[in-house]
Amino acid sequence: MASGMTKTQLTRYLAEKLGTNNKTIAAFLEQLADVAIKETKKNGLFVVPGLGRLVKAHRKARMGRNPQTGEPIQIKAKTVVKFRVAKAAKDAIAPKKA
């Protein structure tokens, strides 16, 4: 299984590209994550321009099945967070075939 960049690798890469130190980039990433969490919790939406958006969604209660026994079970309603990829990012990563 392929692995992506670690936080340390991302920090070093961005620091090198932007000509700043690792500590500044690490603080920026921490603040970005913090703001994303707070805004999504408060408003139900946080947009990262060019990348996508975090969206808070409500899942209704539903019937499920215990995979071990096959017995029907009730799954409670809950709030989940979804990430919707921006069209520009999607097209750049996986362009449609003609």
PDB file of N, CA and C in Angstrom:
ATOM      1  N   MET A   1       0.836  -1.170   0.000  1.00  0.00           N
ATOM      2  CA  MET A   1       0.000   0.000   0.000  1.00  0.00           C
ATOM      3  C   MET A   1       0.887   1.242   0.000  1.00  0.00           C
ATOM      4  N   ALA A   2       0.598   2.166  -0.882  1.00  0.00           N
ATOM      5  CA  ALA A   2       1.378   3.395  -0.966  1.00  0.00           C
ATOM      6  C   ALA A   2       1.028   4.304   0.205  1.00  0.00           C
ATOM      7  N   SER A   3       2.037   4.997   0.715  1.00  0.00           N
ATOM      8  CA  SER A   3       1.761   5.919   1.814  1.00  0.00           C
ATOM      9  C   SER A   3       2.011   7.342   1.337  1.00  0.00           C
ATOM     10  N   GLY A   4       1.248   8.274   1.887  1.00  0.00           N
ATOM     11  CA  GLY A   4       1.394   9.674   1.536  1.00  0.00           C
ATOM     12  C   GLY A   4       2.481  10.328   2.359  1.00  0.00           C
ATOM     13  N   MET A   5       2.548  11.639   2.252  1.00  0.00           N
ATOM     14  CA  MET A   5       3.532  12.397   3.013  1.00  0.00           C
ATOM     15  C   MET A   5       3.151  12.404   4.498  1.00  0.00           C
ATOM     16  N   THR A   6       4.148  12.340   5.337  1.00  0.00           N
ATOM     17  CA  THR A   6       3.905  12.504   6.761  1.00  0.00           C
ATOM     18  C   THR A   6       3.820  14.001   7.049  1.00  0.00           C
ATOM     19  N   LYS A   7       3.396  14.336   8.249  1.00  0.00           N
ATOM     20  CA  LYS A   7       3.309  15.744   8.631  1.00  0.00           C
ATOM     21  C   LYS A   7       4.690  16.401   8.583  1.00  0.00           C
ATOM     22  N   THR A   8       5.695  15.670   9.039  1.00  0.00           N
ATOM     23  CA  THR A   8       7.063  16.188   9.031  1.00  0.00           C
ATOM     24  C   THR A   8       7.545  16.429   7.606  1.00  0.00           C
ATOM     25  N   GLN A   9       7.288  15.479   6.704  1.00  0.00           N
ATOM     26  CA  GLN A   9       7.693  15.635   5.312  1.00  0.00           C
ATOM     27  C   GLN A   9       6.985  16.816   4.664  1.00  0.00           C
ATOM     28  N   LEU A  10       5.692  16.963   4.933  1.00  0.00           N
ATOM     29  CA  LEU A  10       4.928  18.081   4.382  1.00  0.00           C
ATOM     30  C   LEU A  10       5.471  19.405   4.913  1.00  0.00           C
ATOM     31  N   THR A  11       5.762  19.457   6.203  1.00  0.00           N
ATOM     32  CA  THR A  11       6.308  20.671   6.814  1.00  0.00           C
ATOM     33  C   THR A  11       7.632  21.053   6.172  1.00  0.00           C
ATOM     34  N   ARG A  12       8.524  20.095   6.018  1.00  0.00           N
ATOM     35  CA  ARG A  12       9.836  20.367   5.398  1.00  0.00           C
ATOM     36  C   ARG A  12       9.688  20.829   3.958  1.00  0.00           C
ATOM     37  N   TYR A  13       8.814  20.165   3.209  1.00  0.00           N
ATOM     38  CA  TYR A  13       8.596  20.519   1.803  1.00  0.00           C
ATOM     39  C   TYR A  13       8.086  21.956   1.671  1.00  0.00           C
ATOM     40  N   LEU A  14       7.060  22.306   2.452  1.00  0.00           N
ATOM     41  CA  LEU A  14       6.490  23.651   2.381  1.00  0.00           C
ATOM     42  C   LEU A  14       7.483  24.710   2.851  1.00  0.00           C
ATOM     43  N   ALA A  15       8.247  24.408   3.896  1.00  0.00           N
ATOM     44  CA  ALA A  15       9.250  25.352   4.396  1.00  0.00           C
ATOM     45  C   ALA A  15      10.299  25.628   3.326  1.00  0.00           C
ATOM     46  N   GLU A  16      10.707  24.589   2.633  1.00  0.00           N
ATOM     47  CA  GLU A  16      11.703  24.741   1.564  1.00  0.00           C
ATOM     48  C   GLU A  16      11.133  25.548   0.403  1.00  0.00           C
ATOM     49  N   LYS A  17       9.904  25.235  -0.005  1.00  0.00           N
ATOM     50  CA  LYS A  17       9.267  25.928  -1.131  1.00  0.00           C
ATOM     51  C   LYS A  17       9.004  27.399  -0.825  1.00  0.00           C
ATOM     52  N   LEU A  18       8.627  27.704   0.417  1.00  0.00           N
ATOM     53  CA  LEU A  18       8.269  29.071   0.781  1.00  0.00           C
ATOM     54  C   LEU A  18       9.436  29.859   1.378  1.00  0.00           C
ATOM     55  N   GLY A  19      10.572  29.203   1.599  1.00  0.00           N
ATOM     56  CA  GLY A  19      11.749  29.876   2.119  1.00  0.00           C
ATOM     57  C   GLY A  19      11.584  30.330   3.558  1.00  0.00           C
ATOM     58  N   THR A  20      10.932  29.516   4.364  1.00  0.00           N
ATOM     59  CA  THR A  20      10.750  29.839   5.787  1.00  0.00           C
ATOM     60  C   THR A  20      11.184  28.637   6.615  1.00  0.00           C
ATOM     61  N   ASN A  21      11.006  28.715   7.928  1.00  0.00           N
ATOM     62  CA  ASN A  21      11.456  27.601   8.758  1.00  0.00           C
ATOM     63  C   ASN A  21      10.321  26.605   9.034  1.00  0.00           C
ATOM     64  N   ASN A  22      10.721  25.433   9.489  1.00  0.00           N
ATOM     65  CA  ASN A  22       9.760  24.355   9.759  1.00  0.00           C
ATOM     66  C   ASN A  22       8.765  24.727  10.859  1.00  0.00           C
ATOM     67  N   LYS A  23       9.235  25.457  11.867  1.00  0.00           N
ATOM     68  CA  LYS A  23       8.395  25.810  13.006  1.00  0.00           C
ATOM     69  C   LYS A  23       7.211  26.678  12.562  1.00  0.00           C
ATOM     70  N   THR A  24       7.450  27.619  11.668  1.00  0.00           N
ATOM     71  CA  THR A  24       6.393  28.500  11.164  1.00  0.00           C
ATOM     72  C   THR A  24       5.351  27.704  10.382  1.00  0.00           C
ATOM     73  N   ILE A  25       5.814  26.813   9.538  1.00  0.00           N
ATOM     74  CA  ILE A  25       4.899  25.994   8.732  1.00  0.00           C
ATOM     75  C   ILE A  25       4.101  25.059   9.628  1.00  0.00           C
ATOM     76  N   ALA A  26       4.744  24.458  10.613  1.00  0.00           N
ATOM     77  CA  ALA A  26       4.044  23.556  11.534  1.00  0.00           C
ATOM     78  C   ALA A  26       2.953  24.312  12.286  1.00  0.00           C
ATOM     79  N   ALA A  27       3.259  25.537  12.720  1.00  0.00           N
ATOM     80  CA  ALA A  27       2.267  26.356  13.415  1.00  0.00           C
ATOM     81  C   ALA A  27       1.112  26.706  12.486  1.00  0.00           C
ATOM     82  N   PHE A  28       1.413  27.011  11.237  1.00  0.00           N
ATOM     83  CA  PHE A  28       0.369  27.309  10.253  1.00  0.00           C
ATOM     84  C   PHE A  28      -0.555  26.111  10.054  1.00  0.00           C
ATOM     85  N   LEU A  29       0.023  24.929   9.889  1.00  0.00           N
ATOM     86  CA  LEU A  29      -0.795  23.729   9.686  1.00  0.00           C
ATOM     87  C   LEU A  29      -1.679  23.443  10.899  1.00  0.00           C
ATOM     88  N   GLU A  30      -1.143  23.659  12.095  1.00  0.00           N
ATOM     89  CA  GLU A  30      -1.926  23.466  13.318  1.00  0.00           C
ATOM     90  C   GLU A  30      -3.100  24.443  13.359  1.00  0.00           C
ATOM     91  N   GLN A  31      -2.843  25.701  13.024  1.00  0.00           N
ATOM     92  CA  GLN A  31      -3.893  26.713  13.026  1.00  0.00           C
ATOM     93  C   GLN A  31      -4.947  26.437  11.962  1.00  0.00           C
ATOM     94  N   LEU A  32      -4.509  25.988  10.779  1.00  0.00           N
ATOM     95  CA  LEU A  32      -5.455  25.655   9.710  1.00  0.00           C
ATOM     96  C   LEU A  32      -6.391  24.537  10.152  1.00  0.00           C
ATOM     97  N   ALA A  33      -5.832  23.506  10.759  1.00  0.00           N
ATOM     98  CA  ALA A  33      -6.648  22.390  11.249  1.00  0.00           C
ATOM     99  C   ALA A  33      -7.606  22.858  12.340  1.00  0.00           C
ATOM    100  N   ASP A  34      -7.111  23.697  13.232  1.00  0.00           N
ATOM    101  CA  ASP A  34      -7.928  24.208  14.330  1.00  0.00           C
ATOM    102  C   ASP A  34      -9.102  25.040  13.810  1.00  0.00           C
ATOM    103  N   VAL A  35      -8.827  25.933  12.873  1.00  0.00           N
ATOM    104  CA  VAL A  35      -9.881  26.778  12.291  1.00  0.00           C
ATOM    105  C   VAL A  35     -10.878  25.909  11.526  1.00  0.00           C
ATOM    106  N   ALA A  36     -10.390  24.926  10.774  1.00  0.00           N
ATOM    107  CA  ALA A  36     -11.276  24.043  10.012  1.00  0.00           C
ATOM    108  C   ALA A  36     -12.237  23.308  10.933  1.00  0.00           C
ATOM    109  N   ILE A  37     -11.731  22.812  12.046  1.00  0.00           N
ATOM    110  CA  ILE A  37     -12.573  22.078  12.998  1.00  0.00           C
ATOM    111  C   ILE A  37     -13.612  23.002  13.625  1.00  0.00           C
ATOM    112  N   LYS A  38     -13.168  24.164  14.099  1.00  0.00           N
ATOM    113  CA  LYS A  38     -14.089  25.099  14.748  1.00  0.00           C
ATOM    114  C   LYS A  38     -15.174  25.588  13.798  1.00  0.00           C
ATOM    115  N   GLU A  39     -14.797  25.962  12.580  1.00  0.00           N
ATOM    116  CA  GLU A  39     -15.769  26.480  11.619  1.00  0.00           C
ATOM    117  C   GLU A  39     -16.755  25.406  11.165  1.00  0.00           C
ATOM    118  N   THR A  40     -16.265  24.199  10.954  1.00  0.00           N
ATOM    119  CA  THR A  40     -17.158  23.114  10.544  1.00  0.00           C
ATOM    120  C   THR A  40     -18.132  22.791  11.667  1.00  0.00           C
ATOM    121  N   LYS A  41     -17.649  22.789  12.901  1.00  0.00           N
ATOM    122  CA  LYS A  41     -18.514  22.517  14.041  1.00  0.00           C
ATOM    123  C   LYS A  41     -19.565  23.615  14.206  1.00  0.00           C
ATOM    124  N   LYS A  42     -19.148  24.872  14.035  1.00  0.00           N
ATOM    125  CA  LYS A  42     -20.036  26.010  14.247  1.00  0.00           C
ATOM    126  C   LYS A  42     -20.999  26.237  13.080  1.00  0.00           C
ATOM    127  N   ASN A  43     -20.493  26.272  11.856  1.00  0.00           N
ATOM    128  CA  ASN A  43     -21.294  26.635  10.682  1.00  0.00           C
ATOM    129  C   ASN A  43     -21.671  25.453   9.789  1.00  0.00           C
ATOM    130  N   GLY A  44     -21.069  24.290  10.019  1.00  0.00           N
ATOM    131  CA  GLY A  44     -21.380  23.123   9.204  1.00  0.00           C
ATOM    132  C   GLY A  44     -20.637  23.089   7.885  1.00  0.00           C
ATOM    133  N   LEU A  45     -19.700  24.047   7.669  1.00  0.00           N
ATOM    134  CA  LEU A  45     -18.996  24.107   6.386  1.00  0.00           C
ATOM    135  C   LEU A  45     -17.668  24.828   6.556  1.00  0.00           C
ATOM    136  N   PHE A  46     -16.616  24.300   5.931  1.00  0.00           N
ATOM    137  CA  PHE A  46     -15.324  24.981   5.875  1.00  0.00           C
ATOM    138  C   PHE A  46     -14.725  24.708   4.516  1.00  0.00           C
ATOM    139  N   VAL A  47     -14.378  25.771   3.793  1.00  0.00           N
ATOM    140  CA  VAL A  47     -13.854  25.636   2.434  1.00  0.00           C
ATOM    141  C   VAL A  47     -12.347  25.858   2.439  1.00  0.00           C
ATOM    142  N   VAL A  48     -11.619  24.933   1.823  1.00  0.00           N
ATOM    143  CA  VAL A  48     -10.195  25.107   1.562  1.00  0.00           C
ATOM    144  C   VAL A  48     -10.103  25.385   0.061  1.00  0.00           C
ATOM    145  N   PRO A  49      -9.911  26.661  -0.326  1.00  0.00           N
ATOM    146  CA  PRO A  49      -9.942  27.033  -1.740  1.00  0.00           C
ATOM    147  C   PRO A  49      -8.994  26.182  -2.587  1.00  0.00           C
ATOM    148  N   GLY A  50      -9.518  25.677  -3.685  1.00  0.00           N
ATOM    149  CA  GLY A  50      -8.728  24.871  -4.605  1.00  0.00           C
ATOM    150  C   GLY A  50      -8.601  23.412  -4.220  1.00  0.00           C
ATOM    151  N   LEU A  51      -9.014  23.056  -3.008  1.00  0.00           N
ATOM    152  CA  LEU A  51      -8.872  21.685  -2.544  1.00  0.00           C
ATOM    153  C   LEU A  51     -10.217  21.017  -2.287  1.00  0.00           C
ATOM    154  N   GLY A  52     -11.087  21.676  -1.541  1.00  0.00           N
ATOM    155  CA  GLY A  52     -12.396  21.094  -1.259  1.00  0.00           C
ATOM    156  C   GLY A  52     -13.026  21.721  -0.046  1.00  0.00           C
ATOM    157  N   ARG A  53     -14.022  21.029   0.497  1.00  0.00           N
ATOM    158  CA  ARG A  53     -14.736  21.566   1.654  1.00  0.00           C
ATOM    159  C   ARG A  53     -15.074  20.469   2.642  1.00  0.00           C
ATOM    160  N   LEU A  54     -15.004  20.837   3.919  1.00  0.00           N
ATOM    161  CA  LEU A  54     -15.472  19.979   4.997  1.00  0.00           C
ATOM    162  C   LEU A  54     -16.930  20.325   5.230  1.00  0.00           C
ATOM    163  N   VAL A  55     -17.789  19.314   5.285  1.00  0.00           N
ATOM    164  CA  VAL A  55     -19.219  19.537   5.456  1.00  0.00           C
ATOM    165  C   VAL A  55     -19.728  18.647   6.582  1.00  0.00           C
ATOM    166  N   LYS A  56     -20.453  19.267   7.517  1.00  0.00           N
ATOM    167  CA  LYS A  56     -21.083  18.504   8.597  1.00  0.00           C
ATOM    168  C   LYS A  56     -22.433  18.026   8.081  1.00  0.00           C
ATOM    169  N   ALA A  57     -22.690  16.728   8.202  1.00  0.00           N
ATOM    170  CA  ALA A  57     -23.935  16.151   7.692  1.00  0.00           C
ATOM    171  C   ALA A  57     -24.584  15.284   8.775  1.00  0.00           C
ATOM    172  N   HIS A  58     -25.901  15.149   8.675  1.00  0.00           N
ATOM    173  CA  HIS A  58     -26.648  14.334   9.629  1.00  0.00           C
ATOM    174  C   HIS A  58     -27.056  13.028   8.952  1.00  0.00           C
ATOM    175  N   ARG A  59     -26.759  11.921   9.596  1.00  0.00           N
ATOM    176  CA  ARG A  59     -27.171  10.608   9.095  1.00  0.00           C
ATOM    177  C   ARG A  59     -28.372  10.149   9.879  1.00  0.00           C
ATOM    178  N   LYS A  60     -29.428   9.738   9.187  1.00  0.00           N
ATOM    179  CA  LYS A  60     -30.646   9.264   9.847  1.00  0.00           C
ATOM    180  C   LYS A  60     -30.411   7.905  10.487  1.00  0.00           C
ATOM    181  N   ALA A  61     -31.270   7.580  11.441  1.00  0.00           N
ATOM    182  CA  ALA A  61     -31.245   6.242  12.039  1.00  0.00           C
ATOM    183  C   ALA A  61     -31.669   5.245  10.966  1.00  0.00           C
ATOM    184  N   ARG A  62     -31.105   4.053  11.022  1.00  0.00           N
ATOM    185  CA  ARG A  62     -31.417   3.063   9.992  1.00  0.00           C
ATOM    186  C   ARG A  62     -31.229   1.651  10.542  1.00  0.00           C
ATOM    187  N   MET A  63     -31.732   0.709   9.785  1.00  0.00           N
ATOM    188  CA  MET A  63     -31.553  -0.693  10.148  1.00  0.00           C
ATOM    189  C   MET A  63     -30.275  -1.201   9.489  1.00  0.00           C
ATOM    190  N   GLY A  64     -29.491  -1.941  10.256  1.00  0.00           N
ATOM    191  CA  GLY A  64     -28.274  -2.536   9.737  1.00  0.00           C
ATOM    192  C   GLY A  64     -28.272  -4.020  10.055  1.00  0.00           C
ATOM    193  N   ARG A  65     -27.142  -4.644   9.852  1.00  0.00           N
ATOM    194  CA  ARG A  65     -27.038  -6.073  10.093  1.00  0.00           C
ATOM    195  C   ARG A  65     -25.702  -6.370  10.760  1.00  0.00           C
ATOM    196  N   ASN A  66     -25.749  -7.162  11.829  1.00  0.00           N
ATOM    197  CA  ASN A  66     -24.524  -7.598  12.487  1.00  0.00           C
ATOM    198  C   ASN A  66     -23.804  -8.545  11.529  1.00  0.00           C
ATOM    199  N   PRO A  67     -22.580  -8.214  11.084  1.00  0.00           N
ATOM    200  CA  PRO A  67     -21.897  -9.058  10.106  1.00  0.00           C
ATOM    201  C   PRO A  67     -21.534 -10.451  10.623  1.00  0.00           C
ATOM    202  N   GLN A  68     -21.384 -10.605  11.936  1.00  0.00           N
ATOM    203  CA  GLN A  68     -21.028 -11.909  12.483  1.00  0.00           C
ATOM    204  C   GLN A  68     -22.227 -12.838  12.568  1.00  0.00           C
ATOM    205  N   THR A  69     -23.366 -12.296  13.014  1.00  0.00           N
ATOM    206  CA  THR A  69     -24.529 -13.161  13.245  1.00  0.00           C
ATOM    207  C   THR A  69     -25.609 -12.999  12.186  1.00  0.00           C
ATOM    208  N   GLY A  70     -25.566 -11.904  11.437  1.00  0.00           N
ATOM    209  CA  GLY A  70     -26.605 -11.653  10.449  1.00  0.00           C
ATOM    210  C   GLY A  70     -27.867 -11.074  11.074  1.00  0.00           C
ATOM    211  N   GLU A  71     -27.845 -10.833  12.377  1.00  0.00           N
ATOM    212  CA  GLU A  71     -29.005 -10.322  13.098  1.00  0.00           C
ATOM    213  C   GLU A  71     -29.228  -8.838  12.776  1.00  0.00           C
ATOM    214  N   PRO A  72     -30.478  -8.441  12.477  1.00  0.00           N
ATOM    215  CA  PRO A  72     -30.759  -7.019  12.222  1.00  0.00           C
ATOM    216  C   PRO A  72     -30.560  -6.191  13.493  1.00  0.00           C
ATOM    217  N   ILE A  73     -29.953  -5.013  13.335  1.00  0.00           N
ATOM    218  CA  ILE A  73     -29.745  -4.122  14.474  1.00  0.00           C
ATOM    219  C   ILE A  73     -30.140  -2.704  14.073  1.00  0.00           C
ATOM    220  N   GLN A  74     -30.495  -1.905  15.071  1.00  0.00           N
ATOM    221  CA  GLN A  74     -30.850  -0.509  14.837  1.00  0.00           C
ATOM    222  C   GLN A  74     -29.585   0.344  14.971  1.00  0.00           C
ATOM    223  N   ILE A  75     -29.266   1.121  13.948  1.00  0.00           N
ATOM    224  CA  ILE A  75     -28.124   2.034  13.995  1.00  0.00           C
ATOM    225  C   ILE A  75     -28.674   3.423  14.284  1.00  0.00           C
ATOM    226  N   LYS A  76     -28.140   4.063  15.320  1.00  0.00           N
ATOM    227  CA  LYS A  76     -28.639   5.366  15.756  1.00  0.00           C
ATOM    228  C   LYS A  76     -28.280   6.465  14.756  1.00  0.00           C
ATOM    229  N   ALA A  77     -29.066   7.534  14.787  1.00  0.00           N
ATOM    230  CA  ALA A  77     -28.765   8.719  13.983  1.00  0.00           C
ATOM    231  C   ALA A  77     -27.495   9.358  14.541  1.00  0.00           C
ATOM    232  N   LYS A  78     -26.700   9.972  13.658  1.00  0.00           N
ATOM    233  CA  LYS A  78     -25.488  10.624  14.128  1.00  0.00           C
ATOM    234  C   LYS A  78     -25.044  11.707  13.155  1.00  0.00           C
ATOM    235  N   THR A  79     -24.180  12.570  13.640  1.00  0.00           N
ATOM    236  CA  THR A  79     -23.603  13.622  12.817  1.00  0.00           C
ATOM    237  C   THR A  79     -22.236  13.156  12.351  1.00  0.00           C
ATOM    238  N   VAL A  80     -21.965  13.327  11.054  1.00  0.00           N
ATOM    239  CA  VAL A  80     -20.686  12.921  10.475  1.00  0.00           C
ATOM    240  C   VAL A  80     -20.071  14.104   9.732  1.00  0.00           C
ATOM    241  N   VAL A  81     -18.793  14.006   9.438  1.00  0.00           N
ATOM    242  CA  VAL A  81     -18.105  15.023   8.659  1.00  0.00           C
ATOM    243  C   VAL A  81     -17.668  14.385   7.346  1.00  0.00           C
ATOM    244  N   LYS A  82     -17.944  15.084   6.246  1.00  0.00           N
ATOM    245  CA  LYS A  82     -17.559  14.606   4.924  1.00  0.00           C
ATOM    246  C   LYS A  82     -16.621  15.619   4.284  1.00  0.00           C
ATOM    247  N   PHE A  83     -15.710  15.139   3.446  1.00  0.00           N
ATOM    248  CA  PHE A  83     -14.850  16.038   2.687  1.00  0.00           C
ATOM    249  C   PHE A  83     -15.243  15.910   1.231  1.00  0.00           C
ATOM    250  N   ARG A  84     -15.634  17.016   0.637  1.00  0.00           N
ATOM    251  CA  ARG A  84     -16.016  17.037  -0.773  1.00  0.00           C
ATOM    252  C   ARG A  84     -14.906  17.707  -1.554  1.00  0.00           C
ATOM    253  N   VAL A  85     -14.311  16.973  -2.468  1.00  0.00           N
ATOM    254  CA  VAL A  85     -13.177  17.462  -3.248  1.00  0.00           C
ATOM    255  C   VAL A  85     -13.655  18.485  -4.274  1.00  0.00           C
ATOM    256  N   ALA A  86     -12.901  19.574  -4.427  1.00  0.00           N
ATOM    257  CA  ALA A  86     -13.222  20.607  -5.404  1.00  0.00           C
ATOM    258  C   ALA A  86     -13.080  20.046  -6.815  1.00  0.00           C
ATOM    259  N   LYS A  87     -13.886  20.548  -7.727  1.00  0.00           N
ATOM    260  CA  LYS A  87     -13.871  20.064  -9.108  1.00  0.00           C
ATOM    261  C   LYS A  87     -12.497  20.240  -9.739  1.00  0.00           C
ATOM    262  N   ALA A  88     -11.852  21.376  -9.506  1.00  0.00           N
ATOM    263  CA  ALA A  88     -10.534  21.630 -10.089  1.00  0.00           C
ATOM    264  C   ALA A  88      -9.519  20.595  -9.602  1.00  0.00           C
ATOM    265  N   ALA A  89      -9.550  20.261  -8.310  1.00  0.00           N
ATOM    266  CA  ALA A  89      -8.626  19.263  -7.760  1.00  0.00           C
ATOM    267  C   ALA A  89      -8.941  17.875  -8.310  1.00  0.00           C
ATOM    268  N   LYS A  90     -10.220  17.571  -8.399  1.00  0.00           N
ATOM    269  CA  LYS A  90     -10.628  16.267  -8.924  1.00  0.00           C
ATOM    270  C   LYS A  90     -10.182  16.075 -10.366  1.00  0.00           C
ATOM    271  N   ASP A  91     -10.376  17.124 -11.178  1.00  0.00           N
ATOM    272  CA  ASP A  91      -9.983  17.059 -12.585  1.00  0.00           C
ATOM    273  C   ASP A  91      -8.464  16.976 -12.759  1.00  0.00           C
ATOM    274  N   ALA A  92      -7.712  17.624 -11.867  1.00  0.00           N
ATOM    275  CA  ALA A  92      -6.255  17.594 -11.943  1.00  0.00           C
ATOM    276  C   ALA A  92      -5.713  16.219 -11.535  1.00  0.00           C
ATOM    277  N   ILE A  93      -6.351  15.598 -10.548  1.00  0.00           N
ATOM    278  CA  ILE A  93      -5.876  14.303 -10.046  1.00  0.00           C
ATOM    279  C   ILE A  93      -6.351  13.147 -10.926  1.00  0.00           C
ATOM    280  N   ALA A  94      -7.617  13.154 -11.294  1.00  0.00           N
ATOM    281  CA  ALA A  94      -8.194  12.058 -12.078  1.00  0.00           C
ATOM    282  C   ALA A  94      -9.022  12.639 -13.216  1.00  0.00           C
ATOM    283  N   PRO A  95      -8.350  13.078 -14.298  1.00  0.00           N
ATOM    284  CA  PRO A  95      -9.096  13.684 -15.416  1.00  0.00           C
ATOM    285  C   PRO A  95     -10.027  12.676 -16.085  1.00  0.00           C
ATOM    286  N   LYS A  96     -11.140  13.207 -16.594  1.00  0.00           N
ATOM    287  CA  LYS A  96     -12.095  12.331 -17.290  1.00  0.00           C
ATOM    288  C   LYS A  96     -11.493  11.864 -18.602  1.00  0.00           C
ATOM    289  N   LYS A  97     -11.743  10.603 -18.926  1.00  0.00           N
ATOM    290  CA  LYS A  97     -11.229  10.053 -20.177  1.00  0.00           C
ATOM    291  C   LYS A  97     -12.191  10.356 -21.310  1.00  0.00           C
ATOM    292  N   ALA A  98     -11.659  10.668 -22.444  1.00  0.00           N
ATOM    293  CA  ALA A  98     -12.491  11.036 -23.591  1.00  0.00           C
ATOM    294  C   ALA A  98     -13.102   9.842 -24.268  1.00  0.00           C
TER     295      ALA A  98
END
